[in-house]
């Protein structure tokens, strides 16, 4: 695993593994802007896989270090 360099990290993974990747990098993402380009849709494209009242970005932000900014 290579630590992300720079101030911005683009999260370009399938949504199902996004929070695991963010947790794996953990403190290496501290203070970085994480750009989330995932799509939290169900396999049949008929709905979202996020909890009601939440979004993919909100779920990923929960896994990110407190100093990271997920957009």
C-alpha atoms as a PDB file:
ATOM      1  CA  UNK A   1       0.000   0.000   0.000  1.00  0.00           C
ATOM      2  CA  UNK A   2       1.329   3.409  -0.957  1.00  0.00           C
ATOM      3  CA  UNK A   3       0.283   6.450   1.057  1.00  0.00           C
ATOM      4  CA  UNK A   4      -1.580   9.027  -1.018  1.00  0.00           C
ATOM      5  CA  UNK A   5       0.566  12.034  -1.926  1.00  0.00           C
ATOM      6  CA  UNK A   6      -0.637  15.610  -2.226  1.00  0.00           C
ATOM      7  CA  UNK A   7      -3.657  17.320  -0.743  1.00  0.00           C
ATOM      8  CA  UNK A   8      -6.369  15.555  -2.762  1.00  0.00           C
ATOM      9  CA  UNK A   9      -7.288  11.869  -2.969  1.00  0.00           C
ATOM     10  CA  UNK A  10      -9.781  10.637  -5.572  1.00  0.00           C
ATOM     11  CA  UNK A  11     -11.770   7.658  -4.308  1.00  0.00           C
ATOM     12  CA  UNK A  12     -12.254   5.657  -7.520  1.00  0.00           C
ATOM     13  CA  UNK A  13     -13.371   2.251  -6.259  1.00  0.00           C
ATOM     14  CA  UNK A  14     -16.700   0.393  -6.283  1.00  0.00           C
ATOM     15  CA  UNK A  15     -18.974   1.816  -3.596  1.00  0.00           C
ATOM     16  CA  UNK A  16     -19.220  -1.551  -1.834  1.00  0.00           C
ATOM     17  CA  UNK A  17     -15.522  -1.306  -0.920  1.00  0.00           C
ATOM     18  CA  UNK A  18     -15.179   2.443  -0.457  1.00  0.00           C
ATOM     19  CA  UNK A  19     -15.422   2.613   3.330  1.00  0.00           C
ATOM     20  CA  UNK A  20     -12.977  -0.281   3.702  1.00  0.00           C
ATOM     21  CA  UNK A  21     -10.434   1.525   1.491  1.00  0.00           C
ATOM     22  CA  UNK A  22     -10.838   4.766   3.452  1.00  0.00           C
ATOM     23  CA  UNK A  23     -10.396   2.893   6.743  1.00  0.00           C
ATOM     24  CA  UNK A  24      -7.355   1.064   5.374  1.00  0.00           C
ATOM     25  CA  UNK A  25      -5.612   4.331   4.512  1.00  0.00           C
ATOM     26  CA  UNK A  26      -6.785   5.867   7.797  1.00  0.00           C
ATOM     27  CA  UNK A  27      -4.428   8.531   9.093  1.00  0.00           C
ATOM     28  CA  UNK A  28      -2.745   8.911   5.676  1.00  0.00           C
ATOM     29  CA  UNK A  29      -5.934  10.766   4.638  1.00  0.00           C
ATOM     30  CA  UNK A  30      -5.783  13.179   7.572  1.00  0.00           C
ATOM     31  CA  UNK A  31      -6.163  16.759   6.313  1.00  0.00           C
ATOM     32  CA  UNK A  32      -6.800  15.712   2.707  1.00  0.00           C
ATOM     33  CA  UNK A  33      -9.774  16.396   0.467  1.00  0.00           C
ATOM     34  CA  UNK A  34     -11.272  13.059  -0.573  1.00  0.00           C
ATOM     35  CA  UNK A  35     -13.207  13.305  -3.823  1.00  0.00           C
ATOM     36  CA  UNK A  36     -15.825  10.556  -3.879  1.00  0.00           C
ATOM     37  CA  UNK A  37     -16.854   9.454  -7.369  1.00  0.00           C
ATOM     38  CA  UNK A  38     -18.618   6.276  -6.271  1.00  0.00           C
ATOM     39  CA  UNK A  39     -22.242   5.489  -7.089  1.00  0.00           C
ATOM     40  CA  UNK A  40     -24.105   3.808  -4.207  1.00  0.00           C
ATOM     41  CA  UNK A  41     -26.766   2.172  -6.379  1.00  0.00           C
ATOM     42  CA  UNK A  42     -28.174  -1.318  -6.009  1.00  0.00           C
ATOM     43  CA  UNK A  43     -27.045  -4.011  -8.462  1.00  0.00           C
ATOM     44  CA  UNK A  44     -30.372  -3.756 -10.319  1.00  0.00           C
ATOM     45  CA  UNK A  45     -30.106   0.080 -10.484  1.00  0.00           C
ATOM     46  CA  UNK A  46     -33.531   0.415  -8.845  1.00  0.00           C
ATOM     47  CA  UNK A  47     -32.430   2.206  -5.670  1.00  0.00           C
ATOM     48  CA  UNK A  48     -29.606   3.167  -3.385  1.00  0.00           C
ATOM     49  CA  UNK A  49     -27.692   0.943  -0.971  1.00  0.00           C
ATOM     50  CA  UNK A  50     -27.174   3.663   1.634  1.00  0.00           C
ATOM     51  CA  UNK A  51     -29.288   3.851   4.796  1.00  0.00           C
ATOM     52  CA  UNK A  52     -32.442   5.972   4.606  1.00  0.00           C
ATOM     53  CA  UNK A  53     -31.643   9.622   5.247  1.00  0.00           C
ATOM     54  CA  UNK A  54     -27.980   9.237   4.354  1.00  0.00           C
ATOM     55  CA  UNK A  55     -25.814   9.401   1.249  1.00  0.00           C
ATOM     56  CA  UNK A  56     -22.705   7.720  -0.062  1.00  0.00           C
ATOM     57  CA  UNK A  57     -20.574  10.712   0.890  1.00  0.00           C
ATOM     58  CA  UNK A  58     -21.973  10.726   4.424  1.00  0.00           C
ATOM     59  CA  UNK A  59     -21.238   7.034   4.881  1.00  0.00           C
ATOM     60  CA  UNK A  60     -17.705   7.410   3.516  1.00  0.00           C
ATOM     61  CA  UNK A  61     -17.098  10.470   5.716  1.00  0.00           C
ATOM     62  CA  UNK A  62     -17.912   8.342   8.788  1.00  0.00           C
ATOM     63  CA  UNK A  63     -14.978   6.083   7.868  1.00  0.00           C
ATOM     64  CA  UNK A  64     -12.560   8.956   7.160  1.00  0.00           C
ATOM     65  CA  UNK A  65     -10.316  10.562   9.761  1.00  0.00           C
ATOM     66  CA  UNK A  66     -11.832  13.621  11.465  1.00  0.00           C
ATOM     67  CA  UNK A  67      -9.527  16.025   9.611  1.00  0.00           C
ATOM     68  CA  UNK A  68     -10.391  14.763   6.122  1.00  0.00           C
ATOM     69  CA  UNK A  69     -12.976  16.498   3.954  1.00  0.00           C
ATOM     70  CA  UNK A  70     -15.113  14.231   1.769  1.00  0.00           C
ATOM     71  CA  UNK A  71     -16.796  15.778  -1.274  1.00  0.00           C
END
